[in-house]
Protein backbone atom coordinates (compact mmCIF):
# COMPACT_ATOMS: atom_id res chain seq x y z
CA UNK A 1 -20.74 10.81 -2.83
CA UNK A 2 -17.18 10.38 -1.50
CA UNK A 3 -14.99 7.67 -2.98
CA UNK A 4 -11.34 6.66 -3.04
CA UNK A 5 -9.62 7.86 -6.24
CA UNK A 6 -5.91 7.21 -5.56
CA UNK A 7 -4.02 4.13 -6.90
CA UNK A 8 -5.57 1.07 -5.25
CA UNK A 9 -2.34 -0.92 -5.35
CA UNK A 10 -1.02 1.36 -2.61
CA UNK A 11 -3.78 0.02 -0.38
CA UNK A 12 -2.59 -3.56 -0.82
CA UNK A 13 1.01 -2.55 -0.14
CA UNK A 14 -0.05 -0.70 3.00
CA UNK A 15 -1.83 -3.78 4.35
CA UNK A 16 1.08 -6.02 3.38
CA UNK A 17 -1.12 -8.44 1.45
CA UNK A 18 -3.04 -8.76 -1.78
CA UNK A 19 -6.60 -7.50 -1.54
CA UNK A 20 -7.27 -8.35 -5.21
CA UNK A 21 -8.55 -4.90 -6.10
CA UNK A 22 -7.26 -4.83 -9.69
CA UNK A 23 -8.56 -8.11 -11.06
CA UNK A 24 -6.20 -9.87 -13.48
CA UNK A 25 -3.19 -7.69 -12.57
CA UNK A 26 -3.24 -9.06 -9.01
CA UNK A 27 -2.40 -12.54 -10.34
CA UNK A 28 0.47 -11.39 -12.57
CA UNK A 29 4.16 -10.57 -11.86
CA UNK A 30 3.24 -6.91 -12.48
CA UNK A 31 1.45 -6.76 -9.14
CA UNK A 32 3.14 -4.03 -7.04
CA UNK A 33 2.86 -6.22 -3.92
CA UNK A 34 5.16 -8.72 -5.65
CA UNK A 35 7.59 -6.06 -6.89
CA UNK A 36 7.61 -3.89 -3.75
CA UNK A 37 6.45 -5.96 -0.76
CA UNK A 38 6.55 -3.09 1.72
CA UNK A 39 4.32 -0.16 2.67
CA UNK A 40 4.35 2.92 0.40
CA UNK A 41 6.00 6.15 1.51
CA UNK A 42 9.34 7.31 2.83
CA UNK A 43 9.31 4.99 5.84
CA UNK A 44 7.61 2.08 4.13
CA UNK A 45 10.57 -0.26 4.60
CA UNK A 46 10.89 0.50 8.32
CA UNK A 47 9.83 -2.29 10.64
CA UNK A 48 7.35 -0.98 13.18
CA UNK A 49 6.23 -2.81 16.31
CA UNK A 50 2.67 -4.10 15.83
CA UNK A 51 0.70 -3.14 18.93
CA UNK A 52 -2.75 -4.53 19.73
CA UNK A 53 -4.37 -1.31 18.52
CA UNK A 54 -2.31 -1.34 15.31
CA UNK A 55 -3.39 -4.92 14.60
CA UNK A 56 -7.04 -4.03 15.16
CA UNK A 57 -6.72 -0.96 12.94
CA UNK A 58 -5.09 -2.92 10.13
CA UNK A 59 -7.90 -5.51 10.29
CA UNK A 60 -10.49 -2.77 9.98
CA UNK A 61 -8.67 -1.07 7.11
CA UNK A 62 -8.20 -4.38 5.31
CA UNK A 63 -11.91 -5.18 5.48
CA UNK A 64 -12.96 -1.68 4.40
CA UNK A 65 -10.57 -1.69 1.46
CA UNK A 66 -11.40 -5.23 0.39
CA UNK A 67 -15.10 -4.38 0.04
CA UNK A 68 -14.58 -0.77 -1.11
CA UNK A 69 -16.42 0.79 1.84
CA UNK A 70 -15.50 4.14 3.39
CA UNK A 71 -15.35 4.84 7.13
CA UNK A 72 -18.76 6.42 7.66
CA UNK A 73 -20.61 3.62 5.91
CA UNK A 74 -18.50 0.96 7.58
CA UNK A 75 -19.34 2.37 11.02
CA UNK A 76 -23.02 2.23 10.09
CA UNK A 77 -22.66 -1.42 9.10
CA UNK A 78 -21.03 -2.14 12.46
CA UNK A 79 -23.77 -0.29 14.38
CA UNK A 80 -26.42 -2.32 12.53
CA UNK A 81 -24.49 -5.55 13.18
CA UNK A 82 -24.44 -4.81 16.93
CA UNK A 83 -28.22 -4.37 16.95
CA UNK A 84 -28.81 -7.57 14.97
CA UNK A 85 -29.37 -10.80 16.88
CA UNK A 86 -26.32 -13.05 16.58
CA UNK A 87 -22.53 -12.82 16.74
CA UNK A 88 -21.51 -9.25 15.87
CA UNK A 89 -18.54 -10.28 13.72
CA UNK A 90 -20.68 -12.64 11.67
CA UNK A 91 -23.42 -10.05 11.26
CA UNK A 92 -20.85 -7.50 10.07
CA UNK A 93 -19.53 -9.93 7.45
CA UNK A 94 -23.07 -10.60 6.24
CA UNK A 95 -23.71 -6.87 5.88
CA UNK A 96 -20.80 -6.34 3.49
CA UNK A 97 -21.21 -9.68 1.72
CA UNK A 98 -24.85 -8.97 0.87
CA UNK A 99 -23.95 -5.73 -0.95
CA UNK A 100 -25.01 -5.90 -4.59
CA UNK A 101 -21.60 -4.96 -5.97
CA UNK A 102 -19.93 -7.69 -3.90
CA UNK A 103 -22.41 -10.35 -5.04
CA UNK A 104 -21.99 -9.36 -8.70
CA UNK A 105 -18.25 -9.88 -8.23
CA UNK A 106 -18.69 -13.15 -6.31
CA UNK A 107 -20.94 -14.50 -9.07
CA UNK A 108 -18.16 -13.92 -11.59
CA UNK A 109 -19.82 -11.21 -13.66
CA UNK A 110 -17.03 -8.71 -12.94
CA UNK A 111 -13.22 -8.89 -12.82
CA UNK A 112 -13.06 -6.98 -9.52
CA UNK A 113 -15.36 -5.36 -6.97
CA UNK A 114 -14.66 -1.92 -8.48
CA UNK A 115 -15.69 -3.27 -11.89
CA UNK A 116 -18.85 -4.72 -10.31
CA UNK A 117 -19.56 -1.35 -8.70
CA UNK A 118 -19.25 0.29 -12.11
CA UNK A 119 -21.67 -2.19 -13.67
CA UNK A 120 -24.22 -1.44 -10.96
CA UNK A 121 -23.73 2.34 -11.17
CA UNK A 122 -24.33 2.29 -14.92
CA UNK A 123 -27.58 0.37 -14.56
CA UNK A 124 -26.39 -2.91 -16.07
CA UNK A 125 -27.62 -5.09 -13.18
CA UNK A 126 -31.18 -6.30 -12.60
CA UNK A 127 -32.43 -7.58 -9.25
CA UNK A 128 -35.63 -9.59 -9.48
CA UNK A 129 -36.18 -8.09 -12.92
CA UNK A 130 -35.80 -4.49 -11.69
CA UNK A 131 -32.83 -2.29 -12.57
CA UNK A 132 -30.82 -1.32 -9.48
CA UNK A 133 -28.04 1.26 -9.69
CA UNK A 134 -27.03 1.40 -6.01
CA UNK A 135 -23.83 -0.63 -5.29
CA UNK A 136 -24.61 -0.82 -1.56
CA UNK A 137 -28.10 -2.23 -2.20
CA UNK A 138 -28.59 -5.00 0.38
CA UNK A 139 -29.69 -8.30 -1.10
CA UNK A 140 -31.92 -10.78 0.68
CA UNK A 141 -31.94 -14.57 0.39
CA UNK A 142 -33.85 -15.57 -2.73
CA UNK A 143 -33.02 -12.43 -4.72
CA UNK A 144 -32.12 -13.07 -8.37
CA UNK A 145 -29.38 -11.07 -10.09
CA UNK A 146 -29.16 -10.72 -13.87
CA UNK A 147 -26.92 -8.93 -16.35
CA UNK A 148 -28.73 -6.55 -18.69
CA UNK A 149 -28.72 -7.71 -22.32
CA UNK A 150 -26.71 -4.67 -23.47
CA UNK A 151 -23.70 -5.53 -21.28
CA UNK A 152 -23.52 -9.30 -21.88
CA UNK A 153 -21.19 -8.93 -24.88
CA UNK A 154 -18.81 -6.58 -23.04
CA UNK A 155 -15.16 -7.71 -23.26
CA UNK A 156 -14.45 -7.36 -19.52
CA UNK A 157 -17.65 -9.17 -18.60
CA UNK A 158 -16.78 -12.01 -20.98
CA UNK A 159 -13.26 -12.20 -19.53
CA UNK A 160 -14.65 -12.35 -15.99
CA UNK A 161 -17.11 -15.13 -16.83
CA UNK A 162 -14.49 -17.15 -18.73
CA UNK A 163 -12.13 -16.99 -15.77
CA UNK A 164 -14.85 -18.20 -13.40
CA UNK A 165 -16.44 -21.00 -15.42
CA UNK A 166 -13.50 -23.26 -14.61
CA UNK A 167 -13.96 -22.69 -10.89
CA UNK A 168 -16.88 -22.58 -8.51
CA UNK A 169 -18.85 -19.74 -6.97
CA UNK A 170 -19.39 -19.27 -3.26
CA UNK A 171 -21.64 -21.94 -1.67
CA UNK A 172 -24.30 -19.38 -0.71
CA UNK A 173 -24.75 -18.36 -4.35
CA UNK A 174 -26.02 -20.00 -7.53
CA UNK A 175 -25.17 -18.96 -11.07
CA UNK A 176 -26.11 -19.84 -14.65
CA UNK A 177 -23.63 -18.28 -17.06
CA UNK A 178 -25.63 -19.34 -20.11
CA UNK A 179 -28.54 -17.19 -18.93
CA UNK A 180 -26.31 -14.52 -17.29
CA UNK A 181 -28.25 -14.99 -14.07
CA UNK A 182 -27.37 -15.66 -10.47
CA UNK A 183 -29.14 -16.09 -7.16
CA UNK A 184 -28.37 -15.00 -3.61
CA UNK A 185 -29.45 -18.22 -1.95
CA UNK A 186 -28.64 -17.51 1.69
CA UNK A 187 -26.45 -15.51 4.03
CA UNK A 188 -22.86 -16.78 4.26
CA UNK A 189 -21.44 -18.37 7.39
CA UNK A 190 -18.29 -16.90 8.89
CA UNK A 191 -16.34 -20.13 8.38
CA UNK A 192 -17.07 -20.10 4.63
CA UNK A 193 -15.15 -16.89 4.03
CA UNK A 194 -11.37 -16.84 3.75
CA UNK A 195 -10.80 -13.25 4.82
CA UNK A 196 -7.20 -12.02 5.33
CA UNK A 197 -8.08 -10.61 8.76
CA UNK A 198 -9.56 -11.36 12.16
CA UNK A 199 -13.06 -9.85 12.38
CA UNK A 200 -12.88 -10.01 16.19
CA UNK A 201 -10.16 -7.34 16.04
CA UNK A 202 -12.67 -4.98 14.41
CA UNK A 203 -15.32 -5.75 17.03
CA UNK A 204 -12.84 -5.01 19.82
CA UNK A 205 -11.67 -1.81 18.11
CA UNK A 206 -15.18 -0.34 17.78
CA UNK A 207 -16.26 -1.59 21.20
CA UNK A 208 -13.71 0.51 23.09
């Protein structure tokens, strides 16, 4: 299966904003976006005119990179969103938000989405008591997510949980850190997500 293997900080620099792909590093002065707030490459410092197409493309790339989805899969999500009853942009958001790796991250069991994807790939996540090792597994309202006993003492998992206990999880989720369990209560509403992009740009880009 294809996956992105280059430095992820270059992705944030290219989009001109933090996508929080590296967990704790993104909040520190070591973050490359703080040190070099311009696009990577020879012409990274050049100011280019942002056309309508360029804006739409950057929105699409930002969303793909935020959720760790490649082009082929992202196009499939969009095609499914178009066929689903409701606003296409909202349906697209729900597709990526209901991914198992994203929910594991949102619950606070992982320091980043890539860490959550690793936990799922290695079989450390249970859904309704059944081990699931597919990061793109689509959750449904009512599904319960649990950390396997063998991974609960992991240093990175502990760090992730400790950093989240002082805050709150997304309103469409429930979590019990004492039991290492969470629940996907319902699908999120578009207004509840603070995404660094305009989803309508993506709809217009793919609708051409």
